[in-house]
Amino acid sequence: MRHLLEIDDLSTDELEDVLARSAAADLAPSLTGKGVALVFEKPSARTRNSGEMAVFQLGGHPAYIQGTELGFDVRETVEDIARTLAGYYEIVCARVFKHETLERMVSTESVPIVNLLSDQAHPMQGLADVLTLQQQFGDIAGKTIAYVGDPNNVWRSLSIAAGMLGANLRLAAPAGHQPSDSDLARIRAAGGDPEISQDAASAVKGADAVYTDVWVSMGETGDTDAKKEAFAQFTVTNAVMAEASPDAIFMHCLPAHRGEEVSAEVADGPQSRIWPQAENRMHTARGLLSWLSEQ
């Protein structure tokens, strides 16, 4: 039984298969007569809608379930809930606060589990990101992706996926907000080797793609004002984009806070690919579910 809690749960060949399926105009309706649970502890516009449409396009029935309806470790244990859902659904997809919740669901060995987002990883976004890069550049081996901002779950999954496909990786983040040694080790094991700096302009120089995300993620605790102050010099502006390749694109997983991590001129400008990137969430969900249903 296969699961997807992070991109490197796939081999490089399997990742390429999922991406090829995602780009295909027609896929076999491999979920006909079957249900897929979409569990949401955290709300989301793109994740819910892309997930529901992907299941529908494969002939299946998507079931949106709020976290409060299940009550992880309140009404029942995570393990008991996973076993219950496995009796109804072919695949269980969950957007959770704690990555450990997904690991506990996997431990029941009931049905395939898909991570729709956790505090550690966002593989569904990572798949959409590399599909967007492929649509723009074709083979992304040797292309340079510069990420400006917080090295969060989005950055980790993007770095693993892009590293597996041979892209060059750069990160610009302030002191005190650098990635952990364990994150870097995992990315390197997958084939990436990020260059880390504290200067946005130097990280972006000559890059083929510039990526950012919000500085404070949903549900994040701590001194958010202090964090925003620390990142104040890491806004992706026209001046920052001017350091990149003339053909560079801008990417963001959304929602965007224009005026914080990115200027409105960049987010809504001609180099922006945020809307194809958002649409690709549906295509890559379809590609992954197609692949999983055949394992």
Protein backbone atom coordinates (compact mmCIF):
# COMPACT_ATOMS: atom_id res chain seq x y z
CA MET A 1 0.00 0.00 0.00
CA ARG A 2 1.33 3.41 -0.99
CA HIS A 3 0.80 6.77 0.70
CA LEU A 4 1.90 10.34 0.00
CA LEU A 5 2.91 12.27 3.09
CA GLU A 6 5.80 14.00 1.31
CA ILE A 7 7.09 14.13 -2.25
CA ASP A 8 9.97 11.76 -1.56
CA ASP A 9 7.50 8.99 -0.77
CA LEU A 10 7.68 8.73 -4.57
CA SER A 11 10.74 7.67 -6.53
CA THR A 12 11.86 10.03 -9.28
CA ASP A 13 10.31 7.73 -11.89
CA GLU A 14 7.04 7.67 -9.96
CA LEU A 15 7.08 11.46 -9.61
CA GLU A 16 7.51 11.78 -13.37
CA ASP A 17 4.63 9.32 -13.90
CA VAL A 18 2.35 11.36 -11.63
CA LEU A 19 3.29 14.56 -13.48
CA ALA A 20 2.68 12.95 -16.87
CA ARG A 21 -0.75 11.83 -15.72
CA SER A 22 -1.38 15.36 -14.41
CA ALA A 23 -0.62 16.82 -17.83
CA ALA A 24 -2.76 14.27 -19.70
CA ALA A 25 -6.00 15.48 -21.26
CA ASP A 26 -7.78 12.19 -20.53
CA LEU A 27 -7.28 9.65 -17.77
CA ALA A 28 -9.15 6.42 -17.20
CA PRO A 29 -11.98 6.89 -14.66
CA SER A 30 -10.17 4.80 -12.09
CA LEU A 31 -12.41 5.85 -9.18
CA THR A 32 -15.77 5.00 -10.72
CA GLY A 33 -18.15 3.86 -7.99
CA LYS A 34 -15.62 4.67 -5.27
CA GLY A 35 -15.38 7.39 -2.65
CA VAL A 36 -12.49 9.58 -1.53
CA ALA A 37 -12.57 11.24 1.91
CA LEU A 38 -11.32 14.82 2.03
CA VAL A 39 -10.74 15.62 5.70
CA PHE A 40 -10.11 19.23 6.72
CA GLU A 41 -8.88 20.25 10.14
CA LYS A 42 -7.76 23.49 8.44
CA PRO A 43 -9.96 25.20 5.83
CA SER A 44 -8.75 25.83 2.29
CA ALA A 45 -10.15 27.23 -0.96
CA ARG A 46 -7.75 25.60 -3.43
CA THR A 47 -7.25 22.30 -1.64
CA ARG A 48 -10.94 21.57 -1.21
CA ASN A 49 -12.05 22.61 -4.67
CA SER A 50 -9.14 21.04 -6.52
CA GLY A 51 -9.56 17.81 -4.55
CA GLU A 52 -13.27 17.55 -5.15
CA MET A 53 -12.94 18.20 -8.87
CA ALA A 54 -10.04 15.75 -9.24
CA VAL A 55 -12.07 12.94 -7.66
CA PHE A 56 -15.08 13.82 -9.82
CA GLN A 57 -12.96 13.82 -13.00
CA LEU A 58 -11.82 10.28 -12.17
CA GLY A 59 -15.43 9.15 -11.78
CA GLY A 60 -15.42 8.99 -7.99
CA HIS A 61 -17.41 10.59 -5.19
CA PRO A 62 -15.61 13.20 -3.06
CA ALA A 63 -16.74 13.55 0.56
CA TYR A 64 -15.79 16.78 2.32
CA ILE A 65 -15.46 16.16 6.07
CA GLN A 66 -14.69 18.88 8.61
CA GLY A 67 -12.25 18.04 11.36
CA THR A 68 -14.83 18.88 14.03
CA GLU A 69 -17.10 16.14 12.67
CA LEU A 70 -14.43 13.57 13.42
CA GLY A 71 -12.82 15.03 16.54
CA PHE A 72 -9.30 13.61 16.32
CA ASP A 73 -8.35 12.37 19.81
CA VAL A 74 -11.41 14.09 21.27
CA ARG A 75 -14.36 12.00 20.13
CA GLU A 76 -12.18 9.10 18.97
CA THR A 77 -8.54 8.30 18.48
CA VAL A 78 -6.91 9.14 15.18
CA GLU A 79 -6.39 5.42 14.59
CA ASP A 80 -10.06 4.54 15.14
CA ILE A 81 -11.18 7.32 12.83
CA ALA A 82 -8.78 6.15 10.11
CA ARG A 83 -10.06 2.59 10.34
CA THR A 84 -13.67 3.79 10.20
CA LEU A 85 -13.08 5.92 7.10
CA ALA A 86 -11.21 3.03 5.46
CA GLY A 87 -14.43 1.02 5.56
CA TYR A 88 -16.13 3.57 3.30
CA TYR A 89 -13.45 5.17 1.13
CA GLU A 90 -10.86 4.04 -1.37
CA ILE A 91 -8.42 6.81 -0.36
CA VAL A 92 -8.33 9.18 2.62
CA CYS A 93 -6.87 12.66 2.09
CA ALA A 94 -6.38 14.94 5.08
CA ARG A 95 -5.35 18.54 5.74
CA VAL A 96 -4.15 18.60 9.34
CA PHE A 97 -2.33 20.69 11.90
CA LYS A 98 0.16 18.03 13.01
CA HIS A 99 2.10 15.80 10.64
CA GLU A 100 2.01 13.14 13.35
CA THR A 101 -1.74 12.78 12.74
CA LEU A 102 -1.05 11.56 9.21
CA GLU A 103 1.67 9.19 10.39
CA ARG A 104 -0.77 7.66 12.86
CA MET A 105 -3.36 7.24 10.10
CA VAL A 106 -0.76 5.48 7.95
CA SER A 107 0.11 3.14 10.85
CA THR A 108 -3.33 1.53 10.62
CA GLU A 109 -2.42 0.12 7.18
CA SER A 110 -6.03 0.55 6.10
CA VAL A 111 -6.14 2.58 2.86
CA PRO A 112 -3.81 5.02 1.08
CA ILE A 113 -3.37 8.30 2.99
CA VAL A 114 -2.64 11.59 1.19
CA ASN A 115 -1.26 14.67 2.92
CA LEU A 116 -3.27 17.72 1.82
CA LEU A 117 -1.10 19.86 4.13
CA SER A 118 0.56 19.48 7.50
CA ASP A 119 2.91 21.60 9.58
CA GLN A 120 5.84 19.77 7.98
CA ALA A 121 4.90 19.30 4.34
CA HIS A 122 2.62 20.36 1.49
CA PRO A 123 3.25 17.75 -1.22
CA MET A 124 0.12 18.56 -3.22
CA GLN A 125 1.39 22.11 -3.63
CA GLY A 126 4.83 20.81 -4.53
CA LEU A 127 3.37 18.69 -7.32
CA ALA A 128 1.48 21.68 -8.72
CA ASP A 129 4.61 23.81 -8.49
CA VAL A 130 6.84 21.50 -10.52
CA LEU A 131 4.07 20.91 -13.08
CA THR A 132 3.85 24.69 -13.51
CA LEU A 133 7.62 24.87 -13.98
CA GLN A 134 7.50 22.09 -16.57
CA GLN A 135 4.74 23.85 -18.47
CA GLN A 136 6.90 26.96 -18.60
CA PHE A 137 10.33 25.47 -19.27
CA GLY A 138 9.89 21.82 -20.26
CA ASP A 139 12.62 19.82 -18.55
CA ILE A 140 13.52 21.77 -15.38
CA ALA A 141 16.87 20.05 -14.82
CA GLY A 142 19.45 22.81 -14.50
CA LYS A 143 16.86 25.56 -14.03
CA THR A 144 17.29 27.77 -10.97
CA ILE A 145 14.44 28.32 -8.52
CA ALA A 146 14.93 31.08 -5.96
CA TYR A 147 12.67 31.02 -2.91
CA VAL A 148 12.50 34.28 -0.95
CA GLY A 149 10.99 34.11 2.52
CA ASP A 150 10.10 31.64 5.23
CA PRO A 151 11.45 28.08 4.64
CA ASN A 152 8.15 26.52 5.65
CA ASN A 153 6.25 23.37 4.63
CA VAL A 154 5.70 24.74 1.10
CA TRP A 155 9.43 25.41 0.68
CA ARG A 156 10.35 21.92 1.91
CA SER A 157 8.03 20.10 -0.49
CA LEU A 158 8.96 22.35 -3.43
CA SER A 159 12.67 21.83 -2.73
CA ILE A 160 12.32 18.06 -2.56
CA ALA A 161 10.26 17.87 -5.76
CA ALA A 162 12.43 20.28 -7.74
CA GLY A 163 15.61 18.65 -6.42
CA MET A 164 14.39 15.22 -7.54
CA LEU A 165 13.93 16.65 -11.04
CA GLY A 166 17.41 18.18 -11.14
CA ALA A 167 16.67 21.87 -10.57
CA ASN A 168 19.05 24.23 -8.78
CA LEU A 169 17.67 25.62 -5.52
CA ARG A 170 18.32 28.86 -3.67
CA LEU A 171 16.80 30.26 -0.51
CA ALA A 172 16.94 33.78 0.93
CA ALA A 173 15.77 34.11 4.53
CA PRO A 174 16.82 36.27 7.50
CA ALA A 175 19.07 35.10 10.31
CA GLY A 176 17.12 33.10 12.85
CA HIS A 177 14.77 31.79 10.17
CA GLN A 178 17.10 29.48 8.28
CA PRO A 179 16.12 25.86 7.50
CA SER A 180 17.03 23.10 9.93
CA ASP A 181 19.87 20.67 9.33
CA SER A 182 17.34 17.83 9.09
CA ASP A 183 15.39 19.67 6.38
CA LEU A 184 18.54 20.28 4.37
CA ALA A 185 19.64 16.66 4.78
CA ARG A 186 16.30 15.39 3.48
CA ILE A 187 16.39 17.73 0.47
CA ARG A 188 19.96 16.68 -0.32
CA ALA A 189 19.02 13.01 -0.03
CA ALA A 190 16.33 13.64 -2.64
CA GLY A 191 18.86 15.19 -5.03
CA GLY A 192 18.70 18.90 -4.22
CA ASP A 193 21.46 21.07 -2.79
CA PRO A 194 20.04 24.46 -1.74
CA GLU A 195 22.21 27.55 -1.66
CA ILE A 196 21.26 29.50 1.48
CA SER A 197 21.70 33.25 1.86
CA GLN A 198 20.32 36.22 3.78
CA ASP A 199 20.04 38.49 0.74
CA ALA A 200 17.07 38.36 -1.63
CA ALA A 201 18.77 40.12 -4.54
CA SER A 202 21.76 37.76 -4.62
CA ALA A 203 19.55 34.67 -4.30
CA VAL A 204 17.35 35.80 -7.17
CA LYS A 205 20.18 36.89 -9.49
CA GLY A 206 19.78 35.10 -12.83
CA ALA A 207 17.07 32.77 -11.49
CA ASP A 208 14.49 31.23 -13.81
CA ALA A 209 11.71 31.27 -11.20
CA VAL A 210 11.16 33.34 -8.07
CA TYR A 211 8.86 31.89 -5.40
CA THR A 212 7.50 33.23 -2.13
CA ASP A 213 4.81 32.48 0.43
CA VAL A 214 3.22 34.28 3.37
CA TRP A 215 5.53 35.04 6.25
CA VAL A 216 3.07 33.81 8.89
CA SER A 217 1.19 30.62 8.08
CA MET A 218 -2.36 29.75 9.13
CA GLY A 219 -2.42 28.58 12.74
CA GLU A 220 1.18 29.61 13.40
CA THR A 221 1.82 30.75 16.95
CA GLY A 222 4.45 33.06 18.40
CA ASP A 223 5.27 36.73 17.96
CA THR A 224 3.93 37.32 14.46
CA ASP A 225 4.80 41.02 14.54
CA ALA A 226 8.44 40.21 15.26
CA LYS A 227 8.48 37.69 12.44
CA LYS A 228 7.05 40.20 9.97
CA GLU A 229 9.69 42.69 11.06
CA ALA A 230 12.43 40.11 10.49
CA PHE A 231 11.19 39.50 6.94
CA ALA A 232 10.58 43.15 6.09
CA GLN A 233 13.52 43.23 3.63
CA PHE A 234 12.37 40.07 1.85
CA THR A 235 9.41 41.38 -0.12
CA VAL A 236 9.48 40.31 -3.77
CA THR A 237 9.19 43.60 -5.65
CA ASN A 238 9.83 44.66 -9.24
CA ALA A 239 13.36 45.55 -8.17
CA VAL A 240 13.93 42.02 -6.86
CA MET A 241 12.44 40.45 -10.00
CA ALA A 242 14.75 42.63 -12.11
CA GLU A 243 17.70 40.65 -10.66
CA ALA A 244 16.29 37.41 -12.09
CA SER A 245 16.52 36.16 -15.66
CA PRO A 246 14.58 38.36 -18.12
CA ASP A 247 12.33 35.36 -18.81
CA ALA A 248 11.84 34.52 -15.13
CA ILE A 249 8.42 33.74 -13.74
CA PHE A 250 6.95 34.55 -10.33
CA MET A 251 5.20 31.87 -8.25
CA HIS A 252 3.17 31.90 -5.04
CA CYS A 253 1.06 29.12 -3.50
CA LEU A 254 -1.67 31.59 -2.36
CA PRO A 255 -3.34 33.19 -0.54
CA ALA A 256 -1.06 36.20 -1.08
CA HIS A 257 -0.67 39.21 1.18
CA ARG A 258 0.11 41.93 -1.36
CA GLY A 259 2.35 44.53 0.23
CA GLU A 260 3.99 42.00 2.57
CA GLU A 261 5.80 39.06 0.96
CA VAL A 262 5.06 40.29 -2.58
CA SER A 263 4.12 43.58 -4.16
CA ALA A 264 0.85 43.84 -6.08
CA GLU A 265 2.84 44.80 -9.19
CA VAL A 266 4.64 41.45 -9.15
CA ALA A 267 1.72 39.26 -8.05
CA ASP A 268 -0.52 40.67 -10.77
CA GLY A 269 2.19 41.42 -13.32
CA PRO A 270 3.17 39.76 -16.60
CA GLN A 271 5.75 37.44 -15.03
CA SER A 272 3.26 36.01 -12.53
CA ARG A 273 2.07 32.43 -12.97
CA ILE A 274 0.03 32.22 -9.78
CA TRP A 275 -3.26 31.42 -11.52
CA PRO A 276 -2.00 28.56 -13.73
CA GLN A 277 -0.20 27.35 -10.61
CA ALA A 278 -3.48 27.38 -8.65
CA GLU A 279 -5.32 25.54 -11.45
CA ASN A 280 -2.57 22.93 -11.49
CA ARG A 281 -3.57 21.94 -7.96
CA MET A 282 -6.56 20.19 -9.58
CA HIS A 283 -4.55 18.59 -12.37
CA THR A 284 -1.87 17.20 -10.06
CA ALA A 285 -4.46 15.96 -7.56
CA ARG A 286 -6.07 14.07 -10.43
CA GLY A 287 -2.71 12.69 -11.54
CA LEU A 288 -1.75 11.54 -8.06
CA LEU A 289 -5.13 9.94 -7.30
CA SER A 290 -5.02 8.16 -10.65
CA TRP A 291 -1.58 6.78 -9.83
CA LEU A 292 -2.51 5.79 -6.26
CA SER A 293 -5.67 4.00 -7.35
CA GLU A 294 -3.58 1.68 -9.53
CA GLN A 295 -1.03 0.69 -6.90
